[in-house]
C-alpha atoms as a PDB file:
ATOM      1  CA  UNK A   1     -22.549 169.099   4.423  1.00  0.00           C
ATOM      2  CA  UNK A   2     -24.624 166.021   3.785  1.00  0.00           C
ATOM      3  CA  UNK A   3     -24.479 162.733   5.632  1.00  0.00           C
ATOM      4  CA  UNK A   4     -25.626 161.171   8.837  1.00  0.00           C
ATOM      5  CA  UNK A   5     -25.338 163.297  11.975  1.00  0.00           C
ATOM      6  CA  UNK A   6     -25.167 162.075  15.552  1.00  0.00           C
ATOM      7  CA  UNK A   7     -28.424 162.809  17.391  1.00  0.00           C
ATOM      8  CA  UNK A   8     -26.419 163.479  20.566  1.00  0.00           C
ATOM      9  CA  UNK A   9     -23.722 165.941  19.496  1.00  0.00           C
ATOM     10  CA  UNK A  10     -25.082 166.835  16.033  1.00  0.00           C
ATOM     11  CA  UNK A  11     -21.647 166.224  14.494  1.00  0.00           C
ATOM     12  CA  UNK A  12     -21.182 164.159  11.366  1.00  0.00           C
ATOM     13  CA  UNK A  13     -20.702 160.411  11.547  1.00  0.00           C
ATOM     14  CA  UNK A  14     -17.982 159.003   9.335  1.00  0.00           C
ATOM     15  CA  UNK A  15     -18.202 155.510   7.808  1.00  0.00           C
ATOM     16  CA  UNK A  16     -15.479 154.292  10.195  1.00  0.00           C
ATOM     17  CA  UNK A  17     -17.224 155.525  13.385  1.00  0.00           C
ATOM     18  CA  UNK A  18     -18.793 152.963  15.691  1.00  0.00           C
ATOM     19  CA  UNK A  19     -22.400 153.883  16.430  1.00  0.00           C
ATOM     20  CA  UNK A  20     -25.488 152.919  18.418  1.00  0.00           C
ATOM     21  CA  UNK A  21     -29.006 153.225  17.076  1.00  0.00           C
ATOM     22  CA  UNK A  22     -32.069 154.058  19.152  1.00  0.00           C
ATOM     23  CA  UNK A  23     -35.533 155.137  18.093  1.00  0.00           C
ATOM     24  CA  UNK A  24     -34.475 155.555  14.462  1.00  0.00           C
ATOM     25  CA  UNK A  25     -31.630 157.888  15.495  1.00  0.00           C
ATOM     26  CA  UNK A  26     -27.889 157.279  15.245  1.00  0.00           C
ATOM     27  CA  UNK A  27     -25.394 158.153  18.003  1.00  0.00           C
ATOM     28  CA  UNK A  28     -21.613 158.043  18.353  1.00  0.00           C
ATOM     29  CA  UNK A  29     -20.723 155.474  21.041  1.00  0.00           C
ATOM     30  CA  UNK A  30     -19.482 158.297  23.285  1.00  0.00           C
ATOM     31  CA  UNK A  31     -22.758 160.188  22.878  1.00  0.00           C
ATOM     32  CA  UNK A  32     -25.020 157.244  23.756  1.00  0.00           C
ATOM     33  CA  UNK A  33     -24.718 157.649  27.514  1.00  0.00           C
ATOM     34  CA  UNK A  34     -26.840 157.912  30.642  1.00  0.00           C
ATOM     35  CA  UNK A  35     -27.565 161.579  31.314  1.00  0.00           C
ATOM     36  CA  UNK A  36     -27.170 160.995  35.086  1.00  0.00           C
ATOM     37  CA  UNK A  37     -23.992 158.922  35.480  1.00  0.00           C
ATOM     38  CA  UNK A  38     -22.533 159.288  31.949  1.00  0.00           C
ATOM     39  CA  UNK A  39     -22.156 155.504  31.645  1.00  0.00           C
ATOM     40  CA  UNK A  40     -21.928 154.382  28.038  1.00  0.00           C
ATOM     41  CA  UNK A  41     -25.090 152.428  27.238  1.00  0.00           C
ATOM     42  CA  UNK A  42     -24.860 149.117  25.419  1.00  0.00           C
ATOM     43  CA  UNK A  43     -26.992 147.540  22.732  1.00  0.00           C
ATOM     44  CA  UNK A  44     -29.838 145.628  24.361  1.00  0.00           C
ATOM     45  CA  UNK A  45     -29.386 147.328  27.736  1.00  0.00           C
ATOM     46  CA  UNK A  46     -32.593 148.401  29.447  1.00  0.00           C
ATOM     47  CA  UNK A  47     -32.813 152.183  29.435  1.00  0.00           C
ATOM     48  CA  UNK A  48     -35.380 154.922  29.727  1.00  0.00           C
ATOM     49  CA  UNK A  49     -35.940 157.627  27.132  1.00  0.00           C
ATOM     50  CA  UNK A  50     -36.361 161.047  28.693  1.00  0.00           C
ATOM     51  CA  UNK A  51     -36.854 162.878  25.431  1.00  0.00           C
ATOM     52  CA  UNK A  52     -35.869 162.246  21.836  1.00  0.00           C
ATOM     53  CA  UNK A  53     -32.120 162.197  22.482  1.00  0.00           C
ATOM     54  CA  UNK A  54     -31.652 161.776  26.255  1.00  0.00           C
ATOM     55  CA  UNK A  55     -31.438 158.450  28.058  1.00  0.00           C
ATOM     56  CA  UNK A  56     -31.181 157.203  31.639  1.00  0.00           C
ATOM     57  CA  UNK A  57     -29.821 153.782  32.591  1.00  0.00           C
ATOM     58  CA  UNK A  58     -32.092 151.461  34.565  1.00  0.00           C
ATOM     59  CA  UNK A  59     -30.055 151.812  37.761  1.00  0.00           C
ATOM     60  CA  UNK A  60     -30.333 155.606  37.804  1.00  0.00           C
ATOM     61  CA  UNK A  61     -33.967 155.598  36.740  1.00  0.00           C
ATOM     62  CA  UNK A  62     -34.846 153.298  39.633  1.00  0.00           C
ATOM     63  CA  UNK A  63     -32.921 155.419  42.117  1.00  0.00           C
ATOM     64  CA  UNK A  64     -35.249 157.951  43.703  1.00  0.00           C
ATOM     65  CA  UNK A  65     -32.332 160.184  44.673  1.00  0.00           C
ATOM     66  CA  UNK A  66     -31.088 160.329  41.085  1.00  0.00           C
ATOM     67  CA  UNK A  67     -34.499 161.376  39.791  1.00  0.00           C
ATOM     68  CA  UNK A  68     -34.572 164.243  42.296  1.00  0.00           C
ATOM     69  CA  UNK A  69     -31.098 165.404  41.229  1.00  0.00           C
ATOM     70  CA  UNK A  70     -31.751 165.384  37.501  1.00  0.00           C
ATOM     71  CA  UNK A  71     -33.514 168.255  35.838  1.00  0.00           C
ATOM     72  CA  UNK A  72     -35.254 166.292  33.118  1.00  0.00           C
ATOM     73  CA  UNK A  73     -36.043 169.427  31.144  1.00  0.00           C
ATOM     74  CA  UNK A  74     -32.423 170.506  30.667  1.00  0.00           C
END
């Protein structure tokens, strides 16, 4: 099936879906979340890119304990 796919869940994005864009990729709102705390990230919010499709919010990135708990390669 053709069409835009979410870079987070790889499912199709319908014209009525609300999306976020980051690094030329498109994400469902529910898929554009911090990989540590699962907080939905907002447009313009400072975040850190772990790999192509994984993000960490500023608060968790700055927290040394969070970095130790997260396996960044998973």
